[in-house]
Amino acid sequence: MAFENEERAKAYWSKNVRLMISLLIIWFVVSFGCGILFVDQLNQFQIGGYKLGFWFAQQGAIYCFLGIIFYYAWKMRRIDREFNVEE
């Protein structure tokens, strides 16, 4: 990566780290929060015959993680273009 100056490099990494932290927080809330902490409240609802808390613990966190991966790749591609560092 060739940045014109150090300030642009810091701005690039700042955006990257901010994106990663926000996505990790979302993943934590979905996997730990919905699968463990809020399971009793979520179990009042059902998806496909399964309680929603169980579904989040078994499937929902995985789907959320896959969505996060695709969103991260899409968003980083836009950030790379913005800072002119795409491959």
PDB file of N, CA and C in Angstrom:
ATOM      1  N   MET A   1       0.827  -1.170   0.000  1.00  0.00           N
ATOM      2  CA  MET A   1       0.000   0.000   0.000  1.00  0.00           C
ATOM      3  C   MET A   1       0.878   1.242   0.000  1.00  0.00           C
ATOM      4  N   ALA A   2       0.607   2.078  -0.907  1.00  0.00           N
ATOM      5  CA  ALA A   2       1.388   3.311  -0.997  1.00  0.00           C
ATOM      6  C   ALA A   2       0.489   4.494  -0.660  1.00  0.00           C
ATOM      7  N   PHE A   3       0.637   5.020   0.534  1.00  0.00           N
ATOM      8  CA  PHE A   3      -0.111   6.204   0.940  1.00  0.00           C
ATOM      9  C   PHE A   3       0.747   7.428   0.682  1.00  0.00           C
ATOM     10  N   GLU A   4       0.083   8.520   0.300  1.00  0.00           N
ATOM     11  CA  GLU A   4       0.811   9.754   0.042  1.00  0.00           C
ATOM     12  C   GLU A   4       1.461  10.285   1.311  1.00  0.00           C
ATOM     13  N   ASN A   5       0.756  10.169   2.410  1.00  0.00           N
ATOM     14  CA  ASN A   5       1.310  10.651   3.666  1.00  0.00           C
ATOM     15  C   ASN A   5       0.822   9.786   4.813  1.00  0.00           C
ATOM     16  N   GLU A   6       1.443  10.007   5.947  1.00  0.00           N
ATOM     17  CA  GLU A   6       1.125   9.195   7.121  1.00  0.00           C
ATOM     18  C   GLU A   6      -0.276   9.493   7.653  1.00  0.00           C
ATOM     19  N   GLU A   7      -0.742  10.713   7.461  1.00  0.00           N
ATOM     20  CA  GLU A   7      -2.073  11.086   7.941  1.00  0.00           C
ATOM     21  C   GLU A   7      -3.158  10.289   7.226  1.00  0.00           C
ATOM     22  N   ARG A   8      -3.002  10.092   5.918  1.00  0.00           N
ATOM     23  CA  ARG A   8      -3.963   9.282   5.156  1.00  0.00           C
ATOM     24  C   ARG A   8      -3.916   7.823   5.597  1.00  0.00           C
ATOM     25  N   ALA A   9      -2.723   7.333   5.886  1.00  0.00           N
ATOM     26  CA  ALA A   9      -2.584   5.955   6.354  1.00  0.00           C
ATOM     27  C   ALA A   9      -3.298   5.778   7.696  1.00  0.00           C
ATOM     28  N   LYS A  10      -3.153   6.753   8.580  1.00  0.00           N
ATOM     29  CA  LYS A  10      -3.833   6.674   9.875  1.00  0.00           C
ATOM     30  C   LYS A  10      -5.343   6.735   9.702  1.00  0.00           C
ATOM     31  N   ALA A  11      -5.822   7.559   8.788  1.00  0.00           N
ATOM     32  CA  ALA A  11      -7.259   7.651   8.536  1.00  0.00           C
ATOM     33  C   ALA A  11      -7.799   6.330   7.984  1.00  0.00           C
ATOM     34  N   TYR A  12      -7.029   5.706   7.095  1.00  0.00           N
ATOM     35  CA  TYR A  12      -7.422   4.408   6.522  1.00  0.00           C
ATOM     36  C   TYR A  12      -7.562   3.359   7.622  1.00  0.00           C
ATOM     37  N   TRP A  13      -6.530   3.242   8.454  1.00  0.00           N
ATOM     38  CA  TRP A  13      -6.560   2.225   9.504  1.00  0.00           C
ATOM     39  C   TRP A  13      -7.589   2.561  10.565  1.00  0.00           C
ATOM     40  N   SER A  14      -7.840   3.822  10.796  1.00  0.00           N
ATOM     41  CA  SER A  14      -8.875   4.209  11.743  1.00  0.00           C
ATOM     42  C   SER A  14     -10.241   3.729  11.268  1.00  0.00           C
ATOM     43  N   LYS A  15     -10.529   3.929   9.985  1.00  0.00           N
ATOM     44  CA  LYS A  15     -11.804   3.446   9.429  1.00  0.00           C
ATOM     45  C   LYS A  15     -11.884   1.924   9.492  1.00  0.00           C
ATOM     46  N   ASN A  16     -10.790   1.255   9.190  1.00  0.00           N
ATOM     47  CA  ASN A  16     -10.750  -0.195   9.217  1.00  0.00           C
ATOM     48  C   ASN A  16     -11.003  -0.718  10.625  1.00  0.00           C
ATOM     49  N   VAL A  17     -10.331  -0.168  11.604  1.00  0.00           N
ATOM     50  CA  VAL A  17     -10.490  -0.620  12.987  1.00  0.00           C
ATOM     51  C   VAL A  17     -11.889  -0.306  13.502  1.00  0.00           C
ATOM     52  N   ARG A  18     -12.424   0.869  13.185  1.00  0.00           N
ATOM     53  CA  ARG A  18     -13.778   1.226  13.589  1.00  0.00           C
ATOM     54  C   ARG A  18     -14.797   0.235  13.018  1.00  0.00           C
ATOM     55  N   LEU A  19     -14.611  -0.133  11.757  1.00  0.00           N
ATOM     56  CA  LEU A  19     -15.500  -1.101  11.116  1.00  0.00           C
ATOM     57  C   LEU A  19     -15.408  -2.461  11.814  1.00  0.00           C
ATOM     58  N   MET A  20     -14.193  -2.917  12.067  1.00  0.00           N
ATOM     59  CA  MET A  20     -14.020  -4.225  12.720  1.00  0.00           C
ATOM     60  C   MET A  20     -14.628  -4.237  14.121  1.00  0.00           C
ATOM     61  N   ILE A  21     -14.407  -3.188  14.892  1.00  0.00           N
ATOM     62  CA  ILE A  21     -14.949  -3.149  16.256  1.00  0.00           C
ATOM     63  C   ILE A  21     -16.476  -3.151  16.237  1.00  0.00           C
ATOM     64  N   SER A  22     -17.073  -2.369  15.344  1.00  0.00           N
ATOM     65  CA  SER A  22     -18.535  -2.335  15.290  1.00  0.00           C
ATOM     66  C   SER A  22     -19.109  -3.686  14.863  1.00  0.00           C
ATOM     67  N   LEU A  23     -18.464  -4.354  13.921  1.00  0.00           N
ATOM     68  CA  LEU A  23     -18.956  -5.662  13.489  1.00  0.00           C
ATOM     69  C   LEU A  23     -18.751  -6.721  14.565  1.00  0.00           C
ATOM     70  N   LEU A  24     -17.669  -6.640  15.317  1.00  0.00           N
ATOM     71  CA  LEU A  24     -17.451  -7.579  16.424  1.00  0.00           C
ATOM     72  C   LEU A  24     -18.479  -7.373  17.533  1.00  0.00           C
ATOM     73  N   ILE A  25     -18.853  -6.139  17.775  1.00  0.00           N
ATOM     74  CA  ILE A  25     -19.889  -5.874  18.777  1.00  0.00           C
ATOM     75  C   ILE A  25     -21.222  -6.477  18.335  1.00  0.00           C
ATOM     76  N   ILE A  26     -21.557  -6.309  17.066  1.00  0.00           N
ATOM     77  CA  ILE A  26     -22.797  -6.911  16.537  1.00  0.00           C
ATOM     78  C   ILE A  26     -22.752  -8.424  16.679  1.00  0.00           C
ATOM     79  N   TRP A  27     -21.617  -9.020  16.315  1.00  0.00           N
ATOM     80  CA  TRP A  27     -21.486 -10.471  16.415  1.00  0.00           C
ATOM     81  C   TRP A  27     -21.614 -10.925  17.864  1.00  0.00           C
ATOM     82  N   PHE A  28     -21.011 -10.197  18.798  1.00  0.00           N
ATOM     83  CA  PHE A  28     -21.103 -10.551  20.209  1.00  0.00           C
ATOM     84  C   PHE A  28     -22.546 -10.482  20.692  1.00  0.00           C
ATOM     85  N   VAL A  29     -23.244  -9.414  20.337  1.00  0.00           N
ATOM     86  CA  VAL A  29     -24.634  -9.265  20.777  1.00  0.00           C
ATOM     87  C   VAL A  29     -25.497 -10.394  20.234  1.00  0.00           C
ATOM     88  N   VAL A  30     -25.287 -10.746  18.966  1.00  0.00           N
ATOM     89  CA  VAL A  30     -26.103 -11.810  18.370  1.00  0.00           C
ATOM     90  C   VAL A  30     -25.733 -13.174  18.945  1.00  0.00           C
ATOM     91  N   SER A  31     -24.447 -13.493  19.001  1.00  0.00           N
ATOM     92  CA  SER A  31     -24.055 -14.835  19.440  1.00  0.00           C
ATOM     93  C   SER A  31     -24.199 -15.010  20.943  1.00  0.00           C
ATOM     94  N   PHE A  32     -23.629 -14.119  21.737  1.00  0.00           N
ATOM     95  CA  PHE A  32     -23.677 -14.256  23.191  1.00  0.00           C
ATOM     96  C   PHE A  32     -24.989 -13.721  23.751  1.00  0.00           C
ATOM     97  N   GLY A  33     -25.383 -12.547  23.276  1.00  0.00           N
ATOM     98  CA  GLY A  33     -26.597 -11.934  23.800  1.00  0.00           C
ATOM     99  C   GLY A  33     -27.848 -12.727  23.483  1.00  0.00           C
ATOM    100  N   CYS A  34     -28.078 -12.963  22.199  1.00  0.00           N
ATOM    101  CA  CYS A  34     -29.309 -13.654  21.782  1.00  0.00           C
ATOM    102  C   CYS A  34     -29.266 -15.142  22.104  1.00  0.00           C
ATOM    103  N   GLY A  35     -28.075 -15.749  22.073  1.00  0.00           N
ATOM    104  CA  GLY A  35     -27.971 -17.186  22.321  1.00  0.00           C
ATOM    105  C   GLY A  35     -27.884 -17.554  23.781  1.00  0.00           C
ATOM    106  N   ILE A  36     -27.488 -16.603  24.662  1.00  0.00           N
ATOM    107  CA  ILE A  36     -27.298 -16.931  26.072  1.00  0.00           C
ATOM    108  C   ILE A  36     -28.045 -15.966  26.991  1.00  0.00           C
ATOM    109  N   LEU A  37     -27.773 -14.657  26.873  1.00  0.00           N
ATOM    110  CA  LEU A  37     -28.321 -13.691  27.819  1.00  0.00           C
ATOM    111  C   LEU A  37     -29.831 -13.477  27.668  1.00  0.00           C
ATOM    112  N   PHE A  38     -30.298 -13.344  26.442  1.00  0.00           N
ATOM    113  CA  PHE A  38     -31.711 -13.029  26.201  1.00  0.00           C
ATOM    114  C   PHE A  38     -32.513 -14.251  25.768  1.00  0.00           C
ATOM    115  N   VAL A  39     -31.993 -15.436  26.046  1.00  0.00           N
ATOM    116  CA  VAL A  39     -32.630 -16.652  25.547  1.00  0.00           C
ATOM    117  C   VAL A  39     -34.045 -16.832  26.106  1.00  0.00           C
ATOM    118  N   ASP A  40     -34.263 -16.497  27.366  1.00  0.00           N
ATOM    119  CA  ASP A  40     -35.602 -16.686  27.945  1.00  0.00           C
ATOM    120  C   ASP A  40     -36.639 -15.789  27.278  1.00  0.00           C
ATOM    121  N   GLN A  41     -36.268 -14.551  27.002  1.00  0.00           N
ATOM    122  CA  GLN A  41     -37.203 -13.636  26.340  1.00  0.00           C
ATOM    123  C   GLN A  41     -37.447 -14.073  24.894  1.00  0.00           C
ATOM    124  N   LEU A  42     -36.382 -14.531  24.219  1.00  0.00           N
ATOM    125  CA  LEU A  42     -36.519 -14.932  22.816  1.00  0.00           C
ATOM    126  C   LEU A  42     -37.267 -16.254  22.666  1.00  0.00           C
ATOM    127  N   ASN A  43     -37.219 -17.115  23.676  1.00  0.00           N
ATOM    128  CA  ASN A  43     -37.889 -18.413  23.592  1.00  0.00           C
ATOM    129  C   ASN A  43     -39.409 -18.295  23.599  1.00  0.00           C
ATOM    130  N   GLN A  44     -39.934 -17.110  23.804  1.00  0.00           N
ATOM    131  CA  GLN A  44     -41.380 -16.908  23.720  1.00  0.00           C
ATOM    132  C   GLN A  44     -41.862 -16.955  22.270  1.00  0.00           C
ATOM    133  N   PHE A  45     -40.926 -16.825  21.329  1.00  0.00           N
ATOM    134  CA  PHE A  45     -41.252 -16.849  19.898  1.00  0.00           C
ATOM    135  C   PHE A  45     -40.662 -18.101  19.273  1.00  0.00           C
ATOM    136  N   GLN A  46     -41.210 -18.491  18.103  1.00  0.00           N
ATOM    137  CA  GLN A  46     -40.722 -19.689  17.427  1.00  0.00           C
ATOM    138  C   GLN A  46     -40.443 -19.408  15.954  1.00  0.00           C
ATOM    139  N   ILE A  47     -39.451 -20.119  15.427  1.00  0.00           N
ATOM    140  CA  ILE A  47     -39.137 -20.109  13.989  1.00  0.00           C
ATOM    141  C   ILE A  47     -39.073 -21.569  13.552  1.00  0.00           C
ATOM    142  N   GLY A  48     -39.939 -21.945  12.644  1.00  0.00           N
ATOM    143  CA  GLY A  48     -39.945 -23.321  12.132  1.00  0.00           C
ATOM    144  C   GLY A  48     -40.158 -24.362  13.213  1.00  0.00           C
ATOM    145  N   GLY A  49     -40.906 -24.015  14.258  1.00  0.00           N
ATOM    146  CA  GLY A  49     -41.182 -24.968  15.323  1.00  0.00           C
ATOM    147  C   GLY A  49     -40.138 -24.979  16.429  1.00  0.00           C
ATOM    148  N   TYR A  50     -39.082 -24.217  16.280  1.00  0.00           N
ATOM    149  CA  TYR A  50     -38.032 -24.140  17.301  1.00  0.00           C
ATOM    150  C   TYR A  50     -38.110 -22.816  18.033  1.00  0.00           C
ATOM    151  N   LYS A  51     -37.784 -22.854  19.311  1.00  0.00           N
ATOM    152  CA  LYS A  51     -37.761 -21.623  20.092  1.00  0.00           C
ATOM    153  C   LYS A  51     -36.689 -20.702  19.543  1.00  0.00           C
ATOM    154  N   LEU A  52     -36.971 -19.393  19.522  1.00  0.00           N
ATOM    155  CA  LEU A  52     -36.083 -18.419  18.894  1.00  0.00           C
ATOM    156  C   LEU A  52     -34.725 -18.348  19.584  1.00  0.00           C
ATOM    157  N   GLY A  53     -34.674 -18.477  20.903  1.00  0.00           N
ATOM    158  CA  GLY A  53     -33.394 -18.472  21.611  1.00  0.00           C
ATOM    159  C   GLY A  53     -32.523 -19.645  21.198  1.00  0.00           C
ATOM    160  N   PHE A  54     -33.122 -20.825  21.089  1.00  0.00           N
ATOM    161  CA  PHE A  54     -32.391 -22.006  20.621  1.00  0.00           C
ATOM    162  C   PHE A  54     -31.926 -21.802  19.186  1.00  0.00           C
ATOM    163  N   TRP A  55     -32.793 -21.238  18.355  1.00  0.00           N
ATOM    164  CA  TRP A  55     -32.437 -21.020  16.953  1.00  0.00           C
ATOM    165  C   TRP A  55     -31.236 -20.092  16.839  1.00  0.00           C
ATOM    166  N   PHE A  56     -31.223 -18.998  17.616  1.00  0.00           N
ATOM    167  CA  PHE A  56     -30.082 -18.080  17.578  1.00  0.00           C
ATOM    168  C   PHE A  56     -28.809 -18.777  18.038  1.00  0.00           C
ATOM    169  N   ALA A  57     -28.907 -19.584  19.077  1.00  0.00           N
ATOM    170  CA  ALA A  57     -27.723 -20.268  19.592  1.00  0.00           C
ATOM    171  C   ALA A  57     -27.183 -21.272  18.573  1.00  0.00           C
ATOM    172  N   GLN A  58     -28.063 -21.911  17.805  1.00  0.00           N
ATOM    173  CA  GLN A  58     -27.635 -22.964  16.887  1.00  0.00           C
ATOM    174  C   GLN A  58     -27.412 -22.489  15.457  1.00  0.00           C
ATOM    175  N   GLN A  59     -28.237 -21.593  14.964  1.00  0.00           N
ATOM    176  CA  GLN A  59     -28.169 -21.197  13.561  1.00  0.00           C
ATOM    177  C   GLN A  59     -27.998 -19.696  13.350  1.00  0.00           C
ATOM    178  N   GLY A  60     -28.713 -18.899  14.107  1.00  0.00           N
ATOM    179  CA  GLY A  60     -28.749 -17.461  13.889  1.00  0.00           C
ATOM    180  C   GLY A  60     -27.395 -16.792  13.974  1.00  0.00           C
ATOM    181  N   ALA A  61     -26.586 -17.192  14.953  1.00  0.00           N
ATOM    182  CA  ALA A  61     -25.255 -16.597  15.096  1.00  0.00           C
ATOM    183  C   ALA A  61     -24.379 -16.930  13.885  1.00  0.00           C
ATOM    184  N   ILE A  62     -24.539 -18.114  13.340  1.00  0.00           N
ATOM    185  CA  ILE A  62     -23.758 -18.511  12.163  1.00  0.00           C
ATOM    186  C   ILE A  62     -24.177 -17.688  10.953  1.00  0.00           C
ATOM    187  N   TYR A  63     -25.481 -17.525  10.746  1.00  0.00           N
ATOM    188  CA  TYR A  63     -25.959 -16.709   9.627  1.00  0.00           C
ATOM    189  C   TYR A  63     -25.516 -15.261   9.774  1.00  0.00           C
ATOM    190  N   CYS A  64     -25.584 -14.762  10.996  1.00  0.00           N
ATOM    191  CA  CYS A  64     -25.141 -13.391  11.247  1.00  0.00           C
ATOM    192  C   CYS A  64     -23.649 -13.255  10.933  1.00  0.00           C
ATOM    193  N   PHE A  65     -22.846 -14.216  11.351  1.00  0.00           N
ATOM    194  CA  PHE A  65     -21.413 -14.179  11.088  1.00  0.00           C
ATOM    195  C   PHE A  65     -21.134 -14.178   9.583  1.00  0.00           C
ATOM    196  N   LEU A  66     -21.846 -14.993   8.834  1.00  0.00           N
ATOM    197  CA  LEU A  66     -21.666 -15.014   7.375  1.00  0.00           C
ATOM    198  C   LEU A  66     -22.047 -13.670   6.765  1.00  0.00           C
ATOM    199  N   GLY A  67     -23.133 -13.081   7.232  1.00  0.00           N
ATOM    200  CA  GLY A  67     -23.526 -11.758   6.760  1.00  0.00           C
ATOM    201  C   GLY A  67     -22.467 -10.711   7.077  1.00  0.00           C
ATOM    202  N   ILE A  68     -21.878 -10.807   8.255  1.00  0.00           N
ATOM    203  CA  ILE A  68     -20.821  -9.877   8.657  1.00  0.00           C
ATOM    204  C   ILE A  68     -19.606 -10.018   7.751  1.00  0.00           C
ATOM    205  N   ILE A  69     -19.247 -11.238   7.397  1.00  0.00           N
ATOM    206  CA  ILE A  69     -18.101 -11.463   6.507  1.00  0.00           C
ATOM    207  C   ILE A  69     -18.329 -10.788   5.160  1.00  0.00           C
ATOM    208  N   PHE A  70     -19.503 -10.994   4.581  1.00  0.00           N
ATOM    209  CA  PHE A  70     -19.790 -10.393   3.280  1.00  0.00           C
ATOM    210  C   PHE A  70     -19.867  -8.871   3.369  1.00  0.00           C
ATOM    211  N   TYR A  71     -20.467  -8.364   4.448  1.00  0.00           N
ATOM    212  CA  TYR A  71     -20.546  -6.915   4.621  1.00  0.00           C
ATOM    213  C   TYR A  71     -19.148  -6.322   4.790  1.00  0.00           C
ATOM    214  N   TYR A  72     -18.289  -6.983   5.568  1.00  0.00           N
ATOM    215  CA  TYR A  72     -16.932  -6.484   5.779  1.00  0.00           C
ATOM    216  C   TYR A  72     -16.166  -6.415   4.451  1.00  0.00           C
ATOM    217  N   ALA A  73     -16.273  -7.465   3.647  1.00  0.00           N
ATOM    218  CA  ALA A  73     -15.578  -7.474   2.351  1.00  0.00           C
ATOM    219  C   ALA A  73     -16.089  -6.356   1.451  1.00  0.00           C
ATOM    220  N   TRP A  74     -17.405  -6.166   1.420  1.00  0.00           N
ATOM    221  CA  TRP A  74     -17.992  -5.113   0.583  1.00  0.00           C
ATOM    222  C   TRP A  74     -17.560  -3.733   1.067  1.00  0.00           C
ATOM    223  N   LYS A  75     -17.642  -3.518   2.380  1.00  0.00           N
ATOM    224  CA  LYS A  75     -17.308  -2.209   2.939  1.00  0.00           C
ATOM    225  C   LYS A  75     -15.811  -1.914   2.801  1.00  0.00           C
ATOM    226  N   MET A  76     -14.951  -2.901   2.999  1.00  0.00           N
ATOM    227  CA  MET A  76     -13.510  -2.682   2.863  1.00  0.00           C
ATOM    228  C   MET A  76     -13.139  -2.384   1.413  1.00  0.00           C
ATOM    229  N   ARG A  77     -13.838  -2.981   0.477  1.00  0.00           N
ATOM    230  CA  ARG A  77     -13.597  -2.667  -0.929  1.00  0.00           C
ATOM    231  C   ARG A  77     -13.891  -1.194  -1.193  1.00  0.00           C
ATOM    232  N   ARG A  78     -14.969  -0.676  -0.594  1.00  0.00           N
ATOM    233  CA  ARG A  78     -15.306   0.753  -0.750  1.00  0.00           C
ATOM    234  C   ARG A  78     -14.271   1.635  -0.056  1.00  0.00           C
ATOM    235  N   ILE A  79     -13.828   1.244   1.112  1.00  0.00           N
ATOM    236  CA  ILE A  79     -12.806   2.025   1.835  1.00  0.00           C
ATOM    237  C   ILE A  79     -11.491   2.007   1.060  1.00  0.00           C
ATOM    238  N   ASP A  80     -11.126   0.849   0.508  1.00  0.00           N
ATOM    239  CA  ASP A  80      -9.904   0.762  -0.298  1.00  0.00           C
ATOM    240  C   ASP A  80      -9.971   1.692  -1.501  1.00  0.00           C
ATOM    241  N   ARG A  81     -11.128   1.748  -2.157  1.00  0.00           N
ATOM    242  CA  ARG A  81     -11.283   2.654  -3.304  1.00  0.00           C
ATOM    243  C   ARG A  81     -11.197   4.107  -2.864  1.00  0.00           C
ATOM    244  N   GLU A  82     -11.794   4.407  -1.720  1.00  0.00           N
ATOM    245  CA  GLU A  82     -11.788   5.772  -1.204  1.00  0.00           C
ATOM    246  C   GLU A  82     -10.350   6.265  -0.957  1.00  0.00           C
ATOM    247  N   PHE A  83      -9.509   5.366  -0.451  1.00  0.00           N
ATOM    248  CA  PHE A  83      -8.125   5.740  -0.162  1.00  0.00           C
ATOM    249  C   PHE A  83      -7.163   5.347  -1.278  1.00  0.00           C
ATOM    250  N   ASN A  84      -7.719   4.877  -2.384  1.00  0.00           N
ATOM    251  CA  ASN A  84      -6.942   4.513  -3.568  1.00  0.00           C
ATOM    252  C   ASN A  84      -5.851   3.477  -3.258  1.00  0.00           C
ATOM    253  N   VAL A  85      -6.245   2.410  -2.555  1.00  0.00           N
ATOM    254  CA  VAL A  85      -5.312   1.339  -2.221  1.00  0.00           C
ATOM    255  C   VAL A  85      -5.821  -0.026  -2.689  1.00  0.00           C
ATOM    256  N   GLU A  86      -6.806  -0.028  -3.580  1.00  0.00           N
ATOM    257  CA  GLU A  86      -7.315  -1.319  -4.050  1.00  0.00           C
ATOM    258  C   GLU A  86      -6.264  -2.007  -4.913  1.00  0.00           C
ATOM    259  N   GLU A  87      -6.444  -3.325  -4.988  1.00  0.00           N
ATOM    260  CA  GLU A  87      -5.463  -4.104  -5.764  1.00  0.00           C
ATOM    261  C   GLU A  87      -5.797  -4.077  -7.222  1.00  0.00           C
TER     262      GLU A  87
END
